[in-house]
């Protein structure tokens, strides 16, 4: 459940940032797509580097969303800790770049 909640935090935060910057957001659950849209909207090299560097990790968070809703996959405490750390970094960067 922790990985799912970490993904939800990231997803909703990215959507709120897009609402602030653009006034709308894509109706998607894909973190990488939302992050890409935000990067394009504010032309942030810092967010772009984050998206490139953590692409695989963001994909895993997207999987956590799907798995938690539609399957019975179990995540380890290490998975949960890594998810939380990743989302904390993402939220901090978005906050600094967008001013949320």
Protein backbone atom coordinates (compact mmCIF):
# COMPACT_ATOMS: atom_id res chain seq x y z
CA UNK A 1 0.00 0.00 0.00
CA UNK A 2 2.90 2.37 0.72
CA UNK A 3 4.20 2.23 -2.86
CA UNK A 4 0.69 2.95 -4.16
CA UNK A 5 0.32 5.92 -1.81
CA UNK A 6 3.74 7.26 -2.80
CA UNK A 7 2.68 7.08 -6.45
CA UNK A 8 -0.60 8.83 -5.65
CA UNK A 9 1.26 11.62 -3.87
CA UNK A 10 3.52 12.16 -6.86
CA UNK A 11 0.66 11.95 -9.35
CA UNK A 12 -1.56 14.43 -7.53
CA UNK A 13 1.32 16.82 -6.86
CA UNK A 14 2.30 16.83 -10.54
CA UNK A 15 -1.32 17.44 -11.50
CA UNK A 16 -1.57 20.34 -9.06
CA UNK A 17 1.65 21.82 -10.48
CA UNK A 18 0.26 21.53 -14.01
CA UNK A 19 -2.99 23.17 -12.89
CA UNK A 20 -0.99 26.07 -11.48
CA UNK A 21 1.27 26.47 -14.51
CA UNK A 22 -0.98 25.51 -17.42
CA UNK A 23 -4.47 25.55 -15.96
CA UNK A 24 -5.12 21.91 -16.90
CA UNK A 25 -3.53 18.47 -16.94
CA UNK A 26 -3.81 15.27 -18.99
CA UNK A 27 -6.31 12.73 -17.77
CA UNK A 28 -3.68 10.08 -17.17
CA UNK A 29 -2.13 8.19 -14.30
CA UNK A 30 1.30 8.05 -15.96
CA UNK A 31 3.82 9.94 -13.86
CA UNK A 32 6.34 10.13 -16.67
CA UNK A 33 3.82 11.77 -18.99
CA UNK A 34 2.73 14.27 -16.35
CA UNK A 35 6.34 15.09 -15.51
CA UNK A 36 7.18 15.50 -19.20
CA UNK A 37 4.30 17.93 -19.63
CA UNK A 38 5.46 19.93 -16.63
CA UNK A 39 9.05 20.02 -17.91
CA UNK A 40 7.84 21.37 -21.26
CA UNK A 41 5.59 23.93 -19.59
CA UNK A 42 8.25 25.49 -17.39
CA UNK A 43 11.37 24.47 -19.35
CA UNK A 44 13.10 23.20 -16.23
CA UNK A 45 16.47 21.58 -16.85
CA UNK A 46 16.48 20.32 -13.28
CA UNK A 47 13.18 18.48 -13.69
CA UNK A 48 14.28 17.23 -17.11
CA UNK A 49 17.45 15.73 -15.59
CA UNK A 50 15.40 14.15 -12.79
CA UNK A 51 12.99 12.61 -15.32
CA UNK A 52 15.86 11.18 -17.37
CA UNK A 53 17.87 9.93 -14.40
CA UNK A 54 14.93 8.30 -12.61
CA UNK A 55 12.92 7.12 -15.61
CA UNK A 56 13.07 3.45 -14.57
CA UNK A 57 12.15 4.28 -10.98
CA UNK A 58 9.21 6.39 -12.13
CA UNK A 59 8.08 3.48 -14.29
CA UNK A 60 8.21 1.24 -11.22
CA UNK A 61 6.03 3.71 -9.33
CA UNK A 62 3.54 3.63 -12.20
CA UNK A 63 3.55 -0.16 -11.93
CA UNK A 64 2.88 0.11 -8.20
CA UNK A 65 -0.28 2.07 -8.98
CA UNK A 66 -1.51 -0.58 -11.41
CA UNK A 67 -0.46 -3.54 -9.26
CA UNK A 68 -2.10 -2.19 -6.12
CA UNK A 69 -5.38 -1.64 -7.90
CA UNK A 70 -5.62 -4.69 -10.12
CA UNK A 71 -3.39 -7.49 -8.77
CA UNK A 72 -2.06 -8.88 -5.52
CA UNK A 73 1.64 -8.08 -5.96
CA UNK A 74 3.41 -7.53 -2.67
CA UNK A 75 6.12 -4.91 -2.30
CA UNK A 76 8.99 -5.14 0.16
CA UNK A 77 9.78 -2.58 2.83
CA UNK A 78 12.81 -1.64 0.72
CA UNK A 79 10.51 -0.97 -2.25
CA UNK A 80 8.40 1.25 -0.01
CA UNK A 81 11.39 3.17 1.35
CA UNK A 82 12.82 3.75 -2.13
CA UNK A 83 9.42 4.90 -3.40
CA UNK A 84 9.06 7.37 -0.55
CA UNK A 85 12.58 8.75 -1.07
CA UNK A 86 12.02 9.17 -4.81
CA UNK A 87 8.73 10.97 -4.32
CA UNK A 88 10.19 13.23 -1.63
CA UNK A 89 12.92 14.34 -4.03
CA UNK A 90 10.43 14.84 -6.86
CA UNK A 91 8.08 16.90 -4.70
CA UNK A 92 10.92 19.05 -3.40
CA UNK A 93 12.15 19.80 -6.94
CA UNK A 94 8.64 20.57 -8.19
CA UNK A 95 8.01 22.81 -5.19
CA UNK A 96 11.21 24.75 -5.84
CA UNK A 97 10.69 24.99 -9.61
CA UNK A 98 6.96 25.77 -9.62
CA UNK A 99 6.51 27.38 -6.24
CA UNK A 100 3.79 25.18 -4.82
